Amino acid sequence: MLARKSIIPEEFGLPGLASRMPRKPVFRDRVNKARFIAKNGSCNLAHKNIREQGRFLQDVFTTLVDLKWRFTLVIFTMTFLCSWLLFGMGWWLVAFAHGDMDSNRSRSEQWCVTNVKSFSSAFLFSIEVQVTIGFGGRMITEQCPAAIGVLILQNIVGLIINAIMLGCIFMKTAQSHRRAETLIFSRHAVIAVRNNRLCFMFRVGDLRKSMIIGAAVRLQVVRKTTTPEGEVIPIHQIDIHTESTVTSNSIFLLAPLIICHPIDRDSPLYDLSAMELQCSDLEVIVILEGVVETTGITTQARTSYVTEEIQWGHRFVPIVTEEEGVYSVDYSKFGNTVRATTPRCSARELDEKPSILIQTLQKSELSHQNSLRKRNSMRRNNSVRKGGGSMRRNNSALLVPKVQFLTPDGSQNMAVT
């Protein structure tokens, strides 16, 4: 039995109409993933399955500098102790071979090392030689060439150990990232309209009075991409430029600055609207490099902004004011933002339809005027209410009191005065 054909054509049926209706894009919730650069600038990267571990030993000094302080102090202590024990054993062998440890030896005979009669005394003599402490109780004589050779060797080895260990401690103390601790970035980045264009902005400041010479800011967008050939690039780095540093990234970091990146056709944020930005998995990495004015060491400060830390439609509040001829910076408002009139569309749509910005500004102006009118009307109503209450109080105060007085015949009369 054939199915009965419908009277309504299929293209005008409910399935046909639903298939031809324009659908809004559905954005899935972005899965929280690990960030590549932490807020304090450390790299969130773990190295695993390194087979050529010997490469680290070929650069011992850098390996020692990169170690944590507790490991460096342990190595520092153990190196000196081992050298003292090693040469203490050498002095004990020299004294034993020369016969200095014989209890029946007379004082008139020639000694190789005086007053070295046990391993403890040889260990103490090793410490005295290497750290150049002469207590006068133990010494070598010119009658023993082997002792002179051990003395020369221990002095050379001791100087090398001192140079390496003290240099390592100095480099760990004066590392460049220590200066970066006083270079601060705003907690959030913002996207707002500046000079009729959507701009990505963040604030950077220096807490010290000593300046960073030749400071330069670099921005990179890191995200996972797939090439047309199907190759997946987990960390795809895209360099983006800032507004005032098209030819050079140098900035004069005298006071906190707002670094601005105009979202143009070359920007990876060009096609992202406010909703699409929250669903994307990109990360904006900020790198600030410069030379420390006091030490001449190159320093680098880093931070990053994920999509949850980018506020669409906000602007940073001003924090630099002039007070009694001196410019003052209020760091308590360093990361504060205020809402700004910003279209929710992407920069591409804004370039294709400039009227969107004009309409957004007009709506904002109308809403601002309406809020002012409501505020003024509320003030008038409050003033009228207060005025009505004061008039009632004044009228009650103006009520004429009644006065009684006696007439000559003794009758009472009421009068109003």
Protein backbone atom coordinates (compact mmCIF):
# COMPACT_ATOMS: atom_id res chain seq x y z
CA MET A 1 0.00 0.00 0.00
CA LEU A 2 1.42 3.34 -1.07
CA ALA A 3 1.77 6.17 1.41
CA ARG A 4 -0.74 8.92 0.92
CA LYS A 5 0.81 12.04 -0.49
CA SER A 6 0.40 15.21 1.51
CA ILE A 7 -1.52 18.13 0.10
CA ILE A 8 1.15 20.61 1.33
CA PRO A 9 4.34 20.52 -0.74
CA GLU A 10 7.44 19.21 1.00
CA GLU A 11 9.41 22.45 0.64
CA PHE A 12 6.68 24.26 2.60
CA GLY A 13 6.42 21.64 5.30
CA LEU A 14 7.83 22.01 8.79
CA PRO A 15 11.06 20.03 8.09
CA GLY A 16 11.72 21.99 4.91
CA LEU A 17 11.14 25.36 6.55
CA ALA A 18 13.33 24.42 9.51
CA SER A 19 16.17 23.38 7.20
CA ARG A 20 16.06 26.72 5.35
CA MET A 21 15.89 28.94 8.43
CA PRO A 22 19.20 30.64 9.32
CA ARG A 23 20.69 29.07 12.40
CA LYS A 24 22.72 30.87 15.00
CA PRO A 25 26.14 29.42 15.63
CA VAL A 26 26.26 27.18 18.67
CA PHE A 27 29.37 27.62 20.80
CA ARG A 28 30.42 24.86 23.09
CA ASP A 29 31.76 25.62 26.50
CA ARG A 30 35.53 25.89 26.42
CA VAL A 31 37.25 23.16 28.34
CA ASN A 32 39.58 24.58 30.98
CA LYS A 33 43.11 23.79 29.90
CA ALA A 34 46.51 24.47 31.39
CA ARG A 35 48.08 27.81 30.53
CA PHE A 36 51.55 27.99 29.02
CA ILE A 37 52.75 31.00 31.06
CA ALA A 38 51.63 31.48 34.66
CA LYS A 39 50.68 34.89 36.03
CA ASN A 40 54.03 35.16 37.84
CA GLY A 41 55.91 34.54 34.59
CA SER A 42 57.00 30.94 35.14
CA CYS A 43 56.71 28.52 32.21
CA ASN A 44 54.16 25.77 32.76
CA LEU A 45 56.14 23.13 30.89
CA ALA A 46 57.41 19.77 32.11
CA HIS A 47 60.33 17.98 30.41
CA LYS A 48 59.98 14.20 30.39
CA ASN A 49 61.94 11.22 29.05
CA ILE A 50 65.21 13.08 28.52
CA ARG A 51 67.69 10.38 27.61
CA GLU A 52 70.84 12.50 27.21
CA GLN A 53 71.21 13.58 30.83
CA GLY A 54 74.96 14.00 30.38
CA ARG A 55 74.44 17.26 28.50
CA PHE A 56 73.62 18.98 31.82
CA LEU A 57 77.00 17.91 33.26
CA GLN A 58 78.82 19.46 30.31
CA ASP A 59 77.58 22.86 31.50
CA VAL A 60 78.10 22.44 35.23
CA PHE A 61 78.03 26.13 36.11
CA THR A 62 74.65 26.80 34.49
CA THR A 63 73.30 23.62 36.07
CA LEU A 64 74.40 24.80 39.51
CA VAL A 65 72.87 28.24 38.96
CA ASP A 66 69.54 26.75 37.82
CA LEU A 67 69.27 24.48 40.86
CA LYS A 68 67.11 25.40 43.81
CA TRP A 69 68.72 27.08 46.80
CA ARG A 70 68.56 24.03 49.06
CA PHE A 71 70.40 21.87 46.54
CA THR A 72 72.96 24.60 45.88
CA LEU A 73 73.73 24.97 49.60
CA VAL A 74 74.05 21.19 50.01
CA ILE A 75 76.47 20.98 47.07
CA PHE A 76 78.38 24.02 48.39
CA THR A 77 78.85 22.40 51.81
CA MET A 78 79.63 18.92 50.54
CA THR A 79 82.21 20.21 48.06
CA PHE A 80 84.30 21.88 50.76
CA LEU A 81 83.91 18.97 53.17
CA CYS A 82 84.98 16.45 50.56
CA SER A 83 88.01 18.52 49.56
CA TRP A 84 89.08 18.89 53.20
CA LEU A 85 88.66 15.16 53.82
CA LEU A 86 90.49 14.23 50.62
CA PHE A 87 93.52 16.39 51.34
CA GLY A 88 93.37 15.46 55.02
CA MET A 89 93.84 11.85 53.89
CA GLY A 90 96.74 13.01 51.71
CA TRP A 91 98.47 14.79 54.61
CA TRP A 92 97.96 11.72 56.79
CA LEU A 93 99.58 9.50 54.18
CA VAL A 94 102.50 11.92 53.79
CA ALA A 95 103.05 11.98 57.55
CA PHE A 96 102.67 8.21 57.80
CA ALA A 97 105.15 7.56 54.95
CA HIS A 98 107.70 9.89 56.48
CA GLY A 99 107.33 8.31 59.90
CA ASP A 100 105.94 11.36 61.67
CA MET A 101 103.32 9.24 63.44
CA ASP A 102 105.87 7.04 65.22
CA SER A 103 105.43 7.60 68.94
CA ASN A 104 109.10 6.73 69.61
CA ARG A 105 110.35 9.39 67.19
CA SER A 106 112.57 12.00 68.87
CA ARG A 107 112.06 15.70 68.36
CA SER A 108 115.61 16.16 67.07
CA GLU A 109 114.82 14.21 63.89
CA GLN A 110 113.49 15.96 60.78
CA TRP A 111 109.70 16.15 60.54
CA CYS A 112 107.67 16.39 57.34
CA VAL A 113 104.60 17.95 59.01
CA THR A 114 104.93 18.91 62.64
CA ASN A 115 102.25 17.92 65.18
CA VAL A 116 100.35 15.66 62.74
CA LYS A 117 100.00 12.49 64.78
CA SER A 118 96.53 11.27 63.78
CA PHE A 119 93.87 11.61 61.10
CA SER A 120 92.08 14.29 63.14
CA SER A 121 95.19 16.46 63.26
CA ALA A 122 95.74 15.87 59.51
CA PHE A 123 92.12 16.92 58.80
CA LEU A 124 92.57 20.11 60.85
CA PHE A 125 95.81 20.85 59.02
CA SER A 126 93.99 20.40 55.68
CA ILE A 127 91.37 22.99 56.73
CA GLU A 128 94.11 25.42 57.88
CA VAL A 129 95.93 25.12 54.54
CA GLN A 130 92.86 25.52 52.29
CA VAL A 131 91.24 28.44 54.13
CA THR A 132 94.65 30.04 54.93
CA ILE A 133 94.20 29.93 58.69
CA GLY A 134 97.56 29.50 60.43
CA PHE A 135 97.28 28.65 64.12
CA GLY A 136 101.04 27.99 64.39
CA GLY A 137 100.79 24.50 65.88
CA ARG A 138 101.14 22.53 62.62
CA MET A 139 103.39 23.33 59.69
CA ILE A 140 105.42 21.68 56.93
CA THR A 141 109.22 21.73 56.72
CA GLU A 142 111.57 22.10 53.77
CA GLN A 143 112.85 18.56 54.30
CA CYS A 144 109.79 16.96 52.67
CA PRO A 145 109.26 17.63 48.90
CA ALA A 146 106.07 15.54 48.88
CA ALA A 147 104.47 17.83 51.45
CA ILE A 148 105.37 20.90 49.37
CA GLY A 149 103.72 19.33 46.33
CA VAL A 150 100.54 18.50 48.26
CA LEU A 151 100.46 22.07 49.61
CA ILE A 152 100.67 23.56 46.10
CA LEU A 153 98.00 21.20 44.76
CA GLN A 154 95.59 21.92 47.61
CA ASN A 155 95.97 25.68 47.18
CA ILE A 156 95.19 25.45 43.46
CA VAL A 157 92.19 23.16 43.98
CA GLY A 158 90.92 25.34 46.83
CA LEU A 159 91.05 28.50 44.66
CA ILE A 160 89.13 26.76 41.87
CA ILE A 161 86.44 25.54 44.27
CA ASN A 162 86.12 29.00 45.83
CA ALA A 163 85.80 30.66 42.41
CA ILE A 164 83.11 28.25 41.21
CA MET A 165 81.06 28.11 44.40
CA LEU A 166 81.19 31.83 45.21
CA GLY A 167 80.49 32.70 41.57
CA CYS A 168 77.49 30.38 41.62
CA ILE A 169 76.16 31.96 44.81
CA PHE A 170 76.65 35.46 43.38
CA MET A 171 74.88 34.61 40.12
CA LYS A 172 71.95 33.06 41.96
CA THR A 173 71.66 36.17 44.14
CA ALA A 174 71.89 38.60 41.20
CA GLN A 175 69.71 36.73 38.73
CA SER A 176 67.83 38.88 36.25
CA HIS A 177 64.38 37.57 37.20
CA ARG A 178 64.82 39.10 40.68
CA ARG A 179 64.49 42.54 39.13
CA ALA A 180 61.37 41.35 37.31
CA GLU A 181 59.61 40.90 40.66
CA THR A 182 59.00 44.67 40.76
CA LEU A 183 57.62 44.79 37.19
CA ILE A 184 53.87 44.32 37.55
CA PHE A 185 51.07 43.69 35.07
CA SER A 186 47.34 44.23 35.44
CA ARG A 187 45.37 41.21 36.57
CA HIS A 188 42.99 41.50 33.63
CA ALA A 189 43.23 42.71 30.07
CA VAL A 190 40.43 44.68 28.42
CA ILE A 191 38.97 45.13 24.96
CA ALA A 192 37.38 48.49 24.22
CA VAL A 193 37.08 51.08 21.48
CA ARG A 194 40.00 53.48 21.16
CA ASN A 195 40.31 55.86 18.19
CA ASN A 196 37.25 54.24 16.59
CA ARG A 197 38.87 50.78 16.63
CA LEU A 198 38.63 47.75 18.86
CA CYS A 199 41.81 47.45 20.90
CA PHE A 200 43.28 44.86 23.24
CA MET A 201 44.83 46.66 26.24
CA PHE A 202 46.64 45.87 29.47
CA ARG A 203 48.62 47.91 31.98
CA VAL A 204 52.28 47.51 32.98
CA GLY A 205 54.22 49.36 35.69
CA ASP A 206 57.55 49.47 37.49
CA LEU A 207 57.61 49.77 41.28
CA ARG A 208 61.25 50.85 41.51
CA LYS A 209 62.63 54.31 40.85
CA SER A 210 65.60 52.87 38.94
CA MET A 211 64.39 52.56 35.37
CA ILE A 212 64.52 49.76 32.83
CA ILE A 213 66.66 50.97 29.92
CA GLY A 214 65.46 50.09 26.43
CA ALA A 215 62.28 48.40 27.66
CA ALA A 216 60.51 46.47 24.92
CA VAL A 217 57.12 44.73 24.94
CA ARG A 218 56.31 41.73 22.78
CA LEU A 219 52.89 40.11 22.44
CA GLN A 220 52.18 36.60 21.26
CA VAL A 221 48.95 34.70 20.83
CA VAL A 222 49.33 30.99 21.56
CA ARG A 223 46.64 28.57 20.57
CA LYS A 224 46.11 25.12 19.09
CA THR A 225 45.68 25.16 15.32
CA THR A 226 45.27 22.65 12.52
CA THR A 227 46.86 23.17 9.11
CA PRO A 228 44.98 22.49 5.84
CA GLU A 229 47.04 19.31 5.54
CA GLY A 230 45.63 18.04 8.85
CA GLU A 231 48.74 18.67 10.96
CA VAL A 232 47.90 19.65 14.54
CA ILE A 233 50.15 22.34 16.04
CA PRO A 234 49.54 22.34 19.82
CA ILE A 235 51.53 25.53 20.47
CA HIS A 236 51.13 27.90 17.53
CA GLN A 237 52.78 31.25 18.34
CA ILE A 238 51.61 34.36 16.48
CA ASP A 239 53.39 37.69 17.05
CA ILE A 240 51.17 40.77 17.29
CA HIS A 241 52.21 44.43 17.35
CA THR A 242 51.23 47.27 19.66
CA GLU A 243 49.81 50.66 18.78
CA SER A 244 52.78 52.98 19.43
CA THR A 245 55.48 50.49 18.48
CA VAL A 246 54.84 49.54 14.88
CA THR A 247 58.50 49.94 13.92
CA SER A 248 60.06 49.51 17.38
CA ASN A 249 58.80 47.89 20.56
CA SER A 250 60.74 50.23 22.87
CA ILE A 251 58.78 52.06 25.56
CA PHE A 252 59.73 54.64 28.17
CA LEU A 253 58.56 52.97 31.38
CA LEU A 254 58.65 56.05 33.60
CA ALA A 255 55.09 55.61 34.92
CA PRO A 256 52.49 52.84 34.48
CA LEU A 257 51.53 52.57 30.82
CA ILE A 258 48.57 51.07 29.01
CA ILE A 259 49.87 48.92 26.17
CA CYS A 260 47.40 48.86 23.30
CA HIS A 261 47.12 46.38 20.45
CA PRO A 262 44.75 47.54 17.69
CA ILE A 263 42.70 44.62 16.40
CA ASP A 264 43.21 45.02 12.66
CA ARG A 265 43.23 42.63 9.71
CA ASP A 266 46.60 41.18 10.71
CA SER A 267 45.49 40.44 14.26
CA PRO A 268 44.48 36.90 15.29
CA LEU A 269 41.62 38.50 17.26
CA TYR A 270 40.11 40.09 14.15
CA ASP A 271 37.31 37.54 13.67
CA LEU A 272 36.41 37.05 17.34
CA SER A 273 33.32 38.61 18.86
CA ALA A 274 32.64 38.87 22.57
CA MET A 275 30.83 35.53 22.66
CA GLU A 276 33.37 33.74 20.47
CA LEU A 277 36.25 35.04 22.60
CA GLN A 278 34.84 33.41 25.72
CA CYS A 279 34.55 30.08 23.89
CA SER A 280 38.02 30.13 22.34
CA ASP A 281 41.12 28.57 23.85
CA LEU A 282 43.72 31.19 22.97
CA GLU A 283 46.23 32.70 25.38
CA VAL A 284 47.93 36.09 25.01
CA ILE A 285 51.52 36.07 26.30
CA VAL A 286 53.18 39.36 27.28
CA ILE A 287 56.99 39.61 27.42
CA LEU A 288 58.73 42.73 28.78
CA GLU A 289 62.51 42.91 28.27
CA GLY A 290 65.03 45.56 29.21
CA VAL A 291 68.37 46.36 30.83
CA VAL A 292 68.52 47.10 34.56
CA GLU A 293 69.87 50.62 35.03
CA THR A 294 71.89 49.89 38.19
CA THR A 295 73.50 46.56 37.23
CA GLY A 296 73.40 46.49 33.42
CA ILE A 297 71.90 42.98 33.46
CA THR A 298 69.18 42.13 30.95
CA THR A 299 65.92 41.21 32.65
CA GLN A 300 62.67 39.74 31.39
CA ALA A 301 59.20 39.77 32.93
CA ARG A 302 56.39 37.60 31.59
CA THR A 303 52.68 37.09 32.12
CA SER A 304 49.72 35.82 30.15
CA TYR A 305 45.99 36.40 29.74
CA VAL A 306 43.53 33.62 29.00
CA THR A 307 40.03 34.31 27.75
CA GLU A 308 38.54 34.37 31.28
CA GLU A 309 40.92 37.23 32.14
CA ILE A 310 39.97 39.42 29.15
CA GLN A 311 37.13 41.83 29.95
CA TRP A 312 35.15 42.94 26.91
CA GLY A 313 33.76 46.47 27.12
CA HIS A 314 35.97 47.77 29.94
CA ARG A 315 38.61 50.48 30.24
CA PHE A 316 41.33 51.12 32.82
CA VAL A 317 40.81 53.98 35.23
CA PRO A 318 43.48 56.75 35.32
CA ILE A 319 45.89 56.46 38.23
CA VAL A 320 48.41 59.26 37.53
CA THR A 321 47.51 62.64 39.03
CA GLU A 322 49.37 65.89 39.62
CA GLU A 323 49.59 66.93 43.26
CA GLU A 324 51.47 70.11 44.24
CA GLY A 325 53.73 70.02 41.19
CA VAL A 326 54.54 66.30 41.56
CA TYR A 327 53.03 63.47 39.55
CA SER A 328 51.56 60.85 41.87
CA VAL A 329 50.72 57.23 41.00
CA ASP A 330 47.98 55.45 42.98
CA TYR A 331 48.85 51.76 42.71
CA SER A 332 45.73 50.77 44.66
CA LYS A 333 43.78 51.40 41.42
CA PHE A 334 46.35 49.74 39.16
CA GLY A 335 44.03 47.00 37.91
CA ASN A 336 40.66 48.79 38.32
CA THR A 337 38.45 49.02 35.26
CA VAL A 338 35.18 50.73 34.36
CA ARG A 339 32.57 49.83 31.78
CA ALA A 340 32.93 51.45 28.39
CA THR A 341 30.59 51.61 25.40
CA THR A 342 31.81 48.80 23.16
CA PRO A 343 30.05 46.84 20.40
CA ARG A 344 29.81 43.10 21.03
CA CYS A 345 30.63 42.25 17.43
CA SER A 346 34.03 41.36 16.01
CA ALA A 347 36.49 43.83 14.54
CA ARG A 348 35.78 42.49 11.05
CA GLU A 349 32.06 43.23 11.38
CA LEU A 350 32.91 46.66 12.76
CA ASP A 351 35.07 47.42 9.72
CA GLU A 352 32.44 46.16 7.31
CA LYS A 353 29.60 48.05 9.05
CA PRO A 354 30.91 51.25 10.69
CA SER A 355 27.32 52.20 11.53
CA ILE A 356 27.36 49.61 14.33
CA LEU A 357 29.71 51.79 16.34
CA ILE A 358 27.60 54.91 15.74
CA GLN A 359 24.43 53.11 16.79
CA THR A 360 26.12 51.76 19.89
CA LEU A 361 27.33 55.22 20.86
CA GLN A 362 23.88 56.70 20.26
CA LYS A 363 22.22 54.04 22.39
CA SER A 364 24.72 54.66 25.12
CA GLU A 365 24.12 58.40 24.97
CA LEU A 366 20.34 57.91 25.11
CA SER A 367 20.61 55.56 28.06
CA HIS A 368 22.91 58.03 29.78
CA GLN A 369 20.44 60.87 29.22
CA ASN A 370 17.56 58.75 30.47
CA SER A 371 19.47 57.86 33.61
CA LEU A 372 20.22 61.56 34.15
CA ARG A 373 16.55 62.41 33.71
CA LYS A 374 15.49 59.73 36.16
CA ARG A 375 18.07 60.94 38.62
CA ASN A 376 16.94 64.55 38.28
CA SER A 377 13.27 63.60 38.62
CA MET A 378 14.04 61.59 41.75
CA ARG A 379 15.88 64.58 43.16
CA ARG A 380 12.92 66.85 42.39
CA ASN A 381 10.47 64.45 44.01
CA ASN A 382 12.65 64.22 47.10
CA SER A 383 12.94 67.99 47.26
CA VAL A 384 9.16 68.37 46.83
CA ARG A 385 8.52 65.88 49.61
CA LYS A 386 10.93 67.66 51.87
CA GLY A 387 9.41 70.99 50.91
CA GLY A 388 5.85 69.74 51.69
CA GLY A 389 6.91 68.56 55.11
CA SER A 390 8.58 71.87 55.89
CA MET A 391 5.47 73.78 54.73
CA ARG A 392 3.29 71.71 57.06
CA ARG A 393 5.67 72.43 59.91
CA ASN A 394 5.64 76.13 59.04
CA ASN A 395 1.81 76.20 58.87
CA SER A 396 1.56 74.50 62.23
CA ALA A 397 3.95 77.03 63.62
CA LEU A 398 1.85 79.88 62.18
CA LEU A 399 -1.36 78.75 63.94
CA VAL A 400 -2.63 81.66 66.09
CA PRO A 401 -3.02 80.73 69.79
CA LYS A 402 -6.19 81.57 71.71
CA VAL A 403 -5.87 84.06 74.57
CA GLN A 404 -8.24 84.48 77.54
CA PHE A 405 -8.70 87.79 79.28
CA LEU A 406 -11.10 89.11 81.95
CA THR A 407 -13.58 91.91 81.36
CA PRO A 408 -14.33 94.55 84.05
CA ASP A 409 -17.55 92.80 84.93
CA GLY A 410 -15.66 89.55 85.69
CA SER A 411 -16.86 87.54 82.65
CA GLN A 412 -14.36 85.66 80.55
CA ASN A 413 -14.06 86.42 76.86
CA MET A 414 -12.11 84.45 74.23
CA ALA A 415 -10.07 86.36 71.73
CA VAL A 416 -7.66 85.45 69.04
CA THR A 417 -4.55 87.51 68.70
